[in-house]
Every structure is written in structure tokens, then in C-alpha cells.
Amino acid sequence: MTTEKPSHGDLDHFDLKILEVVTEDGRISITDLAARIGLSKTPCQLRLKRLVDEGYIEGFSAILNPAKLGLDHIAFAEVKLSSTQEDALRSFNLAVRKIKEVEECHMIAGRFDYLLKIRTRDIRRYRHVLGERISTLPYVASTSTSVAMETVKEARGGFSTGGA
């Protein structure tokens, strides 16, 4: 009997199901996880450990409620650099990682170089972060901001494995 392997390399359907379940509930017990994916406890535990050891699972953390913490203002900043040589990209990347309000930073192929997701308590704080932190990052030539009016869907610590 042959089992078809998904396009995720060495992961089979049990591994993908584990990833899907722990993405939904990182605190699930091994017993419950094993029951959900259809394996006994020991093989499930070994698979979970392997997925962590091989880097498929980078860690477990609490998902905080930004609104309850007064951090429900989201802005997206498009950043254009004055240079896209490797040293400029490296300098920008290192510096942007230090700004705690920047939740995400993506290098973009298009009319600007980076897209940043910034979360603050209000527009005043965002304006400060933009003016004092983001605009002063290495090689920043210009920025453009879009403010989120409502969050319809947000990745909250996980992603889909593509329907395992």
C-alpha cells in the first residue's frame, strides 16, 4: 500500500493534521491531539516532538487580544528605500526588527520596497512611530500610510496547511 505524500516534503497527512490542530489550539493535550488525528498517544507525541525538532513548529505562545490592551489601531506603511543594494536591505531589516509596534514587515516586489503592519493605541501614537522610528530607519526615502478601518480576518498565530 502506498501513501501519497503532500507537497510539504516529508510530512504525511498525520503530520499536517497535527500542524492544523496545534495551530487552532496550542494548549491541546497529547491525549486529545491523538484522538483528533486518529493516532495513539505515543506515536502522536513522537510526531509532535519531531515537528518541533525539525523546525516545522517554531514555538507556542499566547495570543493576546489587542483591543483589550488598547492596541486596536492598525496602519500599513508602504516604505520606499533610497537603495536596494544588499547592504541597504540588510541594514533596514535589522533596524525594523527592533521597532515593537511593527508586527509584520514584508519585502515587496512592486512600486514600493516594504509593507509594514503597525499596531498602536491610536493615530497619535502611530504618527509618532512613523515620524520618529520608521522614517528614520536606514535608507528610507519615503512612506505612504493606509489605516485599517476594520479587521475582517487576521492570522492569529497560525496558518492553513492547505486542507490536510
N, C-alpha and C. Protein backbone atom coordinates (compact mmCIF):
# COMPACT_ATOMS: atom_id res chain seq x y z
N MET A 1 0.84 -1.17 0.00
CA MET A 1 0.00 0.00 0.00
C MET A 1 0.89 1.24 0.00
N THR A 2 0.65 2.15 -0.92
CA THR A 2 1.43 3.38 -0.96
C THR A 2 0.58 4.53 -0.47
N THR A 3 1.24 5.41 0.24
CA THR A 3 0.53 6.60 0.70
C THR A 3 1.05 7.79 -0.08
N GLU A 4 0.14 8.61 -0.54
CA GLU A 4 0.53 9.77 -1.32
C GLU A 4 1.05 10.86 -0.38
N LYS A 5 2.22 11.36 -0.71
CA LYS A 5 2.83 12.42 0.11
C LYS A 5 2.37 13.77 -0.42
N PRO A 6 2.03 14.69 0.49
CA PRO A 6 1.66 16.03 0.07
C PRO A 6 2.90 16.80 -0.39
N SER A 7 2.69 18.00 -0.88
CA SER A 7 3.80 18.80 -1.39
C SER A 7 4.61 19.45 -0.29
N HIS A 8 4.45 19.02 0.94
CA HIS A 8 5.17 19.59 2.08
C HIS A 8 6.40 18.77 2.44
N GLY A 9 7.04 18.16 1.45
CA GLY A 9 8.27 17.41 1.71
C GLY A 9 8.01 16.10 2.40
N ASP A 10 8.56 15.95 3.59
CA ASP A 10 8.50 14.68 4.32
C ASP A 10 7.29 14.57 5.24
N LEU A 11 6.32 15.45 5.12
CA LEU A 11 5.15 15.42 6.01
C LEU A 11 4.05 14.57 5.39
N ASP A 12 3.47 13.70 6.20
CA ASP A 12 2.32 12.93 5.72
C ASP A 12 1.03 13.58 6.26
N HIS A 13 -0.10 12.95 6.01
CA HIS A 13 -1.38 13.56 6.41
C HIS A 13 -1.52 13.66 7.93
N PHE A 14 -0.91 12.74 8.69
CA PHE A 14 -0.95 12.85 10.16
C PHE A 14 -0.18 14.09 10.64
N ASP A 15 1.01 14.30 10.04
CA ASP A 15 1.81 15.47 10.41
C ASP A 15 1.06 16.76 10.10
N LEU A 16 0.47 16.82 8.91
CA LEU A 16 -0.27 18.02 8.52
C LEU A 16 -1.48 18.26 9.43
N LYS A 17 -2.13 17.17 9.85
CA LYS A 17 -3.27 17.30 10.76
C LYS A 17 -2.80 17.81 12.12
N ILE A 18 -1.66 17.31 12.60
CA ILE A 18 -1.10 17.81 13.86
C ILE A 18 -0.86 19.31 13.75
N LEU A 19 -0.23 19.74 12.67
CA LEU A 19 0.03 21.17 12.48
C LEU A 19 -1.25 21.99 12.48
N GLU A 20 -2.27 21.46 11.82
CA GLU A 20 -3.56 22.16 11.75
C GLU A 20 -4.19 22.28 13.14
N VAL A 21 -4.18 21.20 13.90
CA VAL A 21 -4.82 21.19 15.22
C VAL A 21 -4.07 22.08 16.20
N VAL A 22 -2.72 21.98 16.25
CA VAL A 22 -1.99 22.80 17.22
C VAL A 22 -2.01 24.28 16.83
N THR A 23 -2.25 24.58 15.56
CA THR A 23 -2.42 25.97 15.16
C THR A 23 -3.72 26.52 15.74
N GLU A 24 -4.74 25.69 15.78
CA GLU A 24 -6.03 26.10 16.35
C GLU A 24 -5.98 26.14 17.88
N ASP A 25 -5.26 25.18 18.48
CA ASP A 25 -5.21 25.08 19.94
C ASP A 25 -3.84 24.58 20.37
N GLY A 26 -2.93 25.49 20.64
CA GLY A 26 -1.57 25.14 21.03
C GLY A 26 -1.47 24.51 22.40
N ARG A 27 -2.55 24.58 23.17
CA ARG A 27 -2.53 24.01 24.53
C ARG A 27 -3.23 22.66 24.61
N ILE A 28 -3.59 22.09 23.49
CA ILE A 28 -4.29 20.80 23.48
C ILE A 28 -3.40 19.72 24.11
N SER A 29 -4.03 18.85 24.87
CA SER A 29 -3.26 17.76 25.49
C SER A 29 -2.89 16.74 24.42
N ILE A 30 -1.84 15.98 24.69
CA ILE A 30 -1.42 14.93 23.76
C ILE A 30 -2.54 13.91 23.57
N THR A 31 -3.24 13.58 24.64
CA THR A 31 -4.34 12.62 24.55
C THR A 31 -5.42 13.12 23.60
N ASP A 32 -5.82 14.39 23.75
CA ASP A 32 -6.84 14.95 22.87
C ASP A 32 -6.33 15.11 21.44
N LEU A 33 -5.07 15.50 21.29
CA LEU A 33 -4.49 15.64 19.96
C LEU A 33 -4.48 14.29 19.24
N ALA A 34 -4.05 13.26 19.96
CA ALA A 34 -4.01 11.91 19.38
C ALA A 34 -5.40 11.47 18.93
N ALA A 35 -6.39 11.74 19.75
CA ALA A 35 -7.77 11.37 19.40
C ALA A 35 -8.24 12.13 18.17
N ARG A 36 -7.90 13.42 18.07
CA ARG A 36 -8.34 14.25 16.95
C ARG A 36 -7.73 13.82 15.63
N ILE A 37 -6.48 13.34 15.66
CA ILE A 37 -5.84 12.99 14.40
C ILE A 37 -5.90 11.50 14.08
N GLY A 38 -6.37 10.69 15.03
CA GLY A 38 -6.53 9.27 14.76
C GLY A 38 -5.30 8.42 14.99
N LEU A 39 -4.46 8.81 15.93
CA LEU A 39 -3.29 8.01 16.31
C LEU A 39 -3.34 7.74 17.80
N SER A 40 -2.55 6.75 18.24
CA SER A 40 -2.44 6.55 19.69
C SER A 40 -1.49 7.61 20.25
N LYS A 41 -1.46 7.70 21.57
CA LYS A 41 -0.75 8.78 22.25
C LYS A 41 0.75 8.83 21.95
N THR A 42 1.43 7.69 22.07
CA THR A 42 2.89 7.68 21.90
C THR A 42 3.34 8.09 20.50
N PRO A 43 2.78 7.51 19.43
CA PRO A 43 3.19 7.96 18.10
C PRO A 43 2.87 9.45 17.85
N CYS A 44 1.76 9.90 18.40
CA CYS A 44 1.38 11.30 18.26
C CYS A 44 2.42 12.19 18.95
N GLN A 45 2.81 11.81 20.15
CA GLN A 45 3.79 12.57 20.91
C GLN A 45 5.14 12.61 20.18
N LEU A 46 5.54 11.47 19.62
CA LEU A 46 6.80 11.41 18.88
C LEU A 46 6.75 12.29 17.62
N ARG A 47 5.62 12.28 16.94
CA ARG A 47 5.47 13.12 15.75
C ARG A 47 5.52 14.60 16.12
N LEU A 48 4.84 14.97 17.19
CA LEU A 48 4.84 16.37 17.62
C LEU A 48 6.26 16.81 17.98
N LYS A 49 6.98 15.98 18.69
CA LYS A 49 8.37 16.30 19.05
C LYS A 49 9.22 16.45 17.80
N ARG A 50 9.05 15.56 16.82
CA ARG A 50 9.80 15.65 15.57
C ARG A 50 9.48 16.93 14.82
N LEU A 51 8.21 17.31 14.80
CA LEU A 51 7.82 18.54 14.11
C LEU A 51 8.45 19.77 14.76
N VAL A 52 8.58 19.74 16.07
CA VAL A 52 9.27 20.83 16.79
C VAL A 52 10.77 20.77 16.49
N ASP A 53 11.36 19.58 16.65
CA ASP A 53 12.81 19.42 16.45
C ASP A 53 13.25 19.80 15.04
N GLU A 54 12.40 19.51 14.04
CA GLU A 54 12.76 19.79 12.64
C GLU A 54 12.37 21.21 12.22
N GLY A 55 11.80 21.98 13.15
CA GLY A 55 11.53 23.38 12.85
C GLY A 55 10.20 23.68 12.18
N TYR A 56 9.34 22.67 12.01
CA TYR A 56 8.02 22.94 11.44
C TYR A 56 7.17 23.75 12.44
N ILE A 57 7.39 23.47 13.71
CA ILE A 57 6.74 24.23 14.78
C ILE A 57 7.87 25.00 15.47
N GLU A 58 7.76 26.33 15.43
CA GLU A 58 8.83 27.16 15.99
C GLU A 58 8.62 27.47 17.46
N GLY A 59 7.43 27.26 17.97
CA GLY A 59 7.17 27.54 19.37
C GLY A 59 5.69 27.66 19.63
N PHE A 60 5.36 27.87 20.87
CA PHE A 60 3.99 28.03 21.31
C PHE A 60 3.90 29.32 22.09
N SER A 61 2.83 30.08 21.88
CA SER A 61 2.70 31.34 22.60
C SER A 61 1.23 31.68 22.81
N ALA A 62 1.01 32.63 23.70
CA ALA A 62 -0.35 33.10 23.95
C ALA A 62 -0.73 34.12 22.88
N ILE A 63 -1.98 34.09 22.46
CA ILE A 63 -2.50 35.08 21.52
C ILE A 63 -3.26 36.11 22.33
N LEU A 64 -2.76 37.33 22.31
CA LEU A 64 -3.35 38.40 23.11
C LEU A 64 -4.47 39.09 22.35
N ASN A 65 -5.37 39.71 23.08
CA ASN A 65 -6.47 40.47 22.49
C ASN A 65 -6.03 41.93 22.40
N PRO A 66 -5.67 42.40 21.21
CA PRO A 66 -5.16 43.77 21.08
C PRO A 66 -6.16 44.84 21.53
N ALA A 67 -7.45 44.65 21.26
CA ALA A 67 -8.46 45.64 21.65
C ALA A 67 -8.51 45.80 23.16
N LYS A 68 -8.45 44.69 23.90
CA LYS A 68 -8.48 44.76 25.36
C LYS A 68 -7.23 45.45 25.91
N LEU A 69 -6.16 45.41 25.15
CA LEU A 69 -4.91 46.05 25.57
C LEU A 69 -4.80 47.48 25.04
N GLY A 70 -5.87 47.95 24.37
CA GLY A 70 -5.86 49.30 23.84
C GLY A 70 -4.96 49.46 22.63
N LEU A 71 -4.76 48.39 21.89
CA LEU A 71 -3.87 48.41 20.72
C LEU A 71 -4.63 48.00 19.46
N ASP A 72 -5.77 48.63 19.22
CA ASP A 72 -6.57 48.21 18.08
C ASP A 72 -6.47 49.14 16.88
N HIS A 73 -5.51 50.05 16.88
CA HIS A 73 -5.26 50.90 15.72
C HIS A 73 -4.22 50.21 14.83
N ILE A 74 -4.60 49.90 13.60
CA ILE A 74 -3.70 49.22 12.67
C ILE A 74 -3.48 50.12 11.47
N ALA A 75 -2.23 50.30 11.12
CA ALA A 75 -1.87 51.04 9.92
C ALA A 75 -0.89 50.19 9.11
N PHE A 76 -0.94 50.38 7.81
CA PHE A 76 0.00 49.72 6.91
C PHE A 76 0.84 50.81 6.26
N ALA A 77 2.14 50.68 6.40
CA ALA A 77 3.04 51.67 5.81
C ALA A 77 3.79 51.04 4.64
N GLU A 78 3.68 51.70 3.50
CA GLU A 78 4.48 51.33 2.34
C GLU A 78 5.78 52.11 2.46
N VAL A 79 6.90 51.41 2.38
CA VAL A 79 8.21 52.05 2.54
C VAL A 79 9.02 51.89 1.26
N LYS A 80 9.51 53.00 0.76
CA LYS A 80 10.39 53.00 -0.40
C LYS A 80 11.78 53.36 0.10
N LEU A 81 12.77 52.55 -0.29
CA LEU A 81 14.15 52.80 0.12
C LEU A 81 14.89 53.61 -0.94
N SER A 82 15.93 54.30 -0.51
CA SER A 82 16.77 55.05 -1.44
C SER A 82 17.76 54.15 -2.17
N SER A 83 17.96 52.95 -1.64
CA SER A 83 18.86 51.98 -2.26
C SER A 83 18.33 50.58 -1.96
N THR A 84 18.44 49.71 -2.93
CA THR A 84 18.05 48.31 -2.68
C THR A 84 19.25 47.37 -2.85
N GLN A 85 20.44 47.93 -2.67
CA GLN A 85 21.61 47.08 -2.65
C GLN A 85 21.56 46.24 -1.38
N GLU A 86 22.25 45.13 -1.40
CA GLU A 86 22.16 44.15 -0.31
C GLU A 86 22.49 44.76 1.06
N ASP A 87 23.48 45.62 1.15
CA ASP A 87 23.83 46.21 2.45
C ASP A 87 22.71 47.12 2.96
N ALA A 88 22.03 47.81 2.05
CA ALA A 88 20.90 48.67 2.45
C ALA A 88 19.74 47.82 2.95
N LEU A 89 19.43 46.75 2.26
CA LEU A 89 18.35 45.85 2.68
C LEU A 89 18.67 45.24 4.03
N ARG A 90 19.88 44.79 4.21
CA ARG A 90 20.31 44.18 5.47
C ARG A 90 20.19 45.19 6.62
N SER A 91 20.65 46.43 6.40
CA SER A 91 20.57 47.46 7.43
C SER A 91 19.13 47.77 7.80
N PHE A 92 18.28 47.91 6.80
CA PHE A 92 16.87 48.19 7.05
C PHE A 92 16.24 47.03 7.83
N ASN A 93 16.48 45.81 7.38
CA ASN A 93 15.90 44.62 8.02
C ASN A 93 16.28 44.52 9.49
N LEU A 94 17.54 44.74 9.79
CA LEU A 94 17.99 44.67 11.19
C LEU A 94 17.33 45.75 12.05
N ALA A 95 17.23 46.95 11.51
CA ALA A 95 16.68 48.07 12.27
C ALA A 95 15.17 47.95 12.48
N VAL A 96 14.44 47.51 11.46
CA VAL A 96 12.98 47.46 11.57
C VAL A 96 12.55 46.39 12.58
N ARG A 97 13.34 45.35 12.75
CA ARG A 97 13.02 44.30 13.72
C ARG A 97 13.00 44.81 15.16
N LYS A 98 13.64 45.94 15.40
CA LYS A 98 13.73 46.50 16.75
C LYS A 98 12.54 47.37 17.14
N ILE A 99 11.65 47.65 16.20
CA ILE A 99 10.50 48.50 16.49
C ILE A 99 9.33 47.61 16.91
N LYS A 100 8.99 47.65 18.19
CA LYS A 100 7.99 46.72 18.73
C LYS A 100 6.61 46.92 18.11
N GLU A 101 6.28 48.12 17.68
CA GLU A 101 4.96 48.38 17.10
C GLU A 101 4.81 47.76 15.70
N VAL A 102 5.91 47.42 15.05
CA VAL A 102 5.85 46.78 13.73
C VAL A 102 5.60 45.30 13.95
N GLU A 103 4.37 44.88 13.66
CA GLU A 103 4.01 43.46 13.83
C GLU A 103 4.51 42.61 12.68
N GLU A 104 4.50 43.16 11.47
CA GLU A 104 4.92 42.42 10.29
C GLU A 104 5.69 43.34 9.37
N CYS A 105 6.66 42.78 8.68
CA CYS A 105 7.43 43.52 7.69
C CYS A 105 7.69 42.58 6.52
N HIS A 106 7.23 42.98 5.35
CA HIS A 106 7.37 42.14 4.16
C HIS A 106 8.09 42.91 3.06
N MET A 107 9.11 42.30 2.46
CA MET A 107 9.72 42.88 1.27
C MET A 107 8.77 42.60 0.11
N ILE A 108 8.51 43.64 -0.68
CA ILE A 108 7.51 43.57 -1.72
C ILE A 108 8.15 43.77 -3.09
N ALA A 109 7.68 43.04 -4.08
CA ALA A 109 8.05 43.29 -5.47
C ALA A 109 6.95 44.16 -6.06
N GLY A 110 7.26 45.41 -6.30
CA GLY A 110 6.24 46.32 -6.81
C GLY A 110 6.70 47.76 -6.75
N ARG A 111 5.75 48.67 -6.57
CA ARG A 111 6.07 50.10 -6.61
C ARG A 111 6.71 50.63 -5.33
N PHE A 112 6.77 49.82 -4.28
CA PHE A 112 7.49 50.18 -3.06
C PHE A 112 8.28 48.95 -2.63
N ASP A 113 9.12 49.11 -1.62
CA ASP A 113 10.04 48.03 -1.26
C ASP A 113 9.58 47.16 -0.09
N TYR A 114 8.90 47.78 0.89
CA TYR A 114 8.45 47.04 2.07
C TYR A 114 7.03 47.44 2.43
N LEU A 115 6.30 46.50 2.98
CA LEU A 115 4.99 46.76 3.56
C LEU A 115 5.06 46.39 5.04
N LEU A 116 4.75 47.35 5.89
CA LEU A 116 4.80 47.16 7.33
C LEU A 116 3.40 47.21 7.92
N LYS A 117 3.10 46.28 8.81
CA LYS A 117 1.86 46.33 9.59
C LYS A 117 2.24 46.86 10.96
N ILE A 118 1.63 47.98 11.33
CA ILE A 118 1.98 48.64 12.58
C ILE A 118 0.75 48.73 13.47
N ARG A 119 0.89 48.30 14.72
CA ARG A 119 -0.22 48.32 15.66
C ARG A 119 0.12 49.28 16.81
N THR A 120 -0.77 50.25 17.03
CA THR A 120 -0.58 51.23 18.11
C THR A 120 -1.92 51.46 18.80
N ARG A 121 -1.90 52.29 19.84
CA ARG A 121 -3.14 52.55 20.57
C ARG A 121 -4.03 53.56 19.85
N ASP A 122 -3.46 54.47 19.06
CA ASP A 122 -4.27 55.47 18.35
C ASP A 122 -3.43 56.12 17.25
N ILE A 123 -4.06 57.01 16.49
CA ILE A 123 -3.40 57.65 15.36
C ILE A 123 -2.24 58.54 15.82
N ARG A 124 -2.38 59.15 16.99
CA ARG A 124 -1.29 60.00 17.50
C ARG A 124 -0.03 59.17 17.74
N ARG A 125 -0.21 58.03 18.37
CA ARG A 125 0.95 57.15 18.63
C ARG A 125 1.52 56.65 17.31
N TYR A 126 0.65 56.31 16.36
CA TYR A 126 1.13 55.87 15.05
C TYR A 126 1.97 56.97 14.40
N ARG A 127 1.47 58.19 14.44
CA ARG A 127 2.18 59.32 13.84
C ARG A 127 3.58 59.46 14.46
N HIS A 128 3.66 59.29 15.77
CA HIS A 128 4.96 59.34 16.46
C HIS A 128 5.87 58.21 15.97
N VAL A 129 5.35 56.99 15.93
CA VAL A 129 6.15 55.84 15.49
C VAL A 129 6.62 56.05 14.06
N LEU A 130 5.74 56.53 13.20
CA LEU A 130 6.11 56.77 11.81
C LEU A 130 7.19 57.84 11.71
N GLY A 131 6.97 58.96 12.38
CA GLY A 131 7.89 60.08 12.27
C GLY A 131 9.22 59.89 12.96
N GLU A 132 9.19 59.27 14.13
CA GLU A 132 10.41 59.15 14.94
C GLU A 132 11.15 57.83 14.77
N ARG A 133 10.46 56.80 14.33
CA ARG A 133 11.11 55.49 14.25
C ARG A 133 11.22 54.98 12.81
N ILE A 134 10.10 54.89 12.11
CA ILE A 134 10.11 54.30 10.77
C ILE A 134 10.82 55.20 9.76
N SER A 135 10.48 56.47 9.75
CA SER A 135 11.08 57.40 8.79
C SER A 135 12.58 57.58 8.99
N THR A 136 13.06 57.26 10.17
CA THR A 136 14.49 57.41 10.45
C THR A 136 15.28 56.11 10.27
N LEU A 137 14.60 55.05 9.83
CA LEU A 137 15.30 53.80 9.58
C LEU A 137 16.30 53.99 8.44
N PRO A 138 17.35 53.18 8.38
CA PRO A 138 18.35 53.32 7.33
C PRO A 138 17.74 53.20 5.93
N TYR A 139 18.10 54.13 5.06
CA TYR A 139 17.77 54.13 3.64
C TYR A 139 16.30 54.40 3.32
N VAL A 140 15.50 54.83 4.30
CA VAL A 140 14.09 55.14 4.00
C VAL A 140 14.04 56.44 3.21
N ALA A 141 13.46 56.37 2.02
CA ALA A 141 13.31 57.55 1.17
C ALA A 141 11.92 58.15 1.31
N SER A 142 10.90 57.29 1.40
CA SER A 142 9.53 57.79 1.53
C SER A 142 8.63 56.71 2.12
N THR A 143 7.51 57.15 2.68
CA THR A 143 6.50 56.24 3.22
C THR A 143 5.13 56.70 2.77
N SER A 144 4.20 55.78 2.76
CA SER A 144 2.80 56.08 2.48
C SER A 144 1.98 55.20 3.41
N THR A 145 0.95 55.76 4.03
CA THR A 145 0.19 55.04 5.03
C THR A 145 -1.24 54.79 4.60
N SER A 146 -1.73 53.60 4.91
CA SER A 146 -3.16 53.26 4.82
C SER A 146 -3.57 52.79 6.20
N VAL A 147 -4.71 53.28 6.68
CA VAL A 147 -5.21 52.92 8.00
C VAL A 147 -6.34 51.92 7.86
N ALA A 148 -6.29 50.84 8.63
CA ALA A 148 -7.36 49.84 8.61
C ALA A 148 -8.58 50.40 9.34
N MET A 149 -9.73 50.30 8.69
CA MET A 149 -10.97 50.75 9.31
C MET A 149 -11.61 49.63 10.12
N GLU A 150 -11.43 48.39 9.67
CA GLU A 150 -12.00 47.23 10.34
C GLU A 150 -11.18 46.01 9.95
N THR A 151 -10.93 45.12 10.91
CA THR A 151 -10.24 43.87 10.61
C THR A 151 -11.30 42.80 10.39
N VAL A 152 -11.33 42.28 9.18
CA VAL A 152 -12.31 41.26 8.81
C VAL A 152 -11.76 39.87 9.07
N LYS A 153 -10.49 39.66 8.77
CA LYS A 153 -9.83 38.38 9.02
C LYS A 153 -8.37 38.67 9.31
N GLU A 154 -7.85 38.02 10.34
CA GLU A 154 -6.46 38.23 10.72
C GLU A 154 -5.86 36.90 11.14
N ALA A 155 -4.66 36.63 10.66
CA ALA A 155 -3.95 35.43 11.10
C ALA A 155 -3.58 35.63 12.56
N ARG A 156 -4.00 34.76 13.40
CA ARG A 156 -3.78 34.92 14.84
C ARG A 156 -2.89 33.80 15.34
N GLY A 157 -1.68 33.72 14.79
CA GLY A 157 -0.70 32.77 15.29
C GLY A 157 -0.58 31.50 14.48
N GLY A 158 -1.31 31.37 13.41
CA GLY A 158 -1.19 30.15 12.63
C GLY A 158 -1.50 30.38 11.18
N PHE A 159 -1.54 29.29 10.45
CA PHE A 159 -1.85 29.35 9.04
C PHE A 159 -2.42 28.01 8.64
N SER A 160 -2.99 27.98 7.48
CA SER A 160 -3.57 26.73 6.98
C SER A 160 -2.50 25.88 6.33
N THR A 161 -2.60 24.58 6.50
CA THR A 161 -1.68 23.67 5.85
C THR A 161 -2.18 23.27 4.46
N GLY A 162 -3.27 23.89 4.06
CA GLY A 162 -3.79 23.63 2.73
C GLY A 162 -4.82 22.52 2.69
N GLY A 163 -5.48 22.30 3.80
CA GLY A 163 -6.57 21.32 3.84
C GLY A 163 -6.10 19.90 3.94
N ALA A 164 -5.34 19.60 4.95
CA ALA A 164 -4.80 18.25 5.15
C ALA A 164 -5.92 17.25 5.38
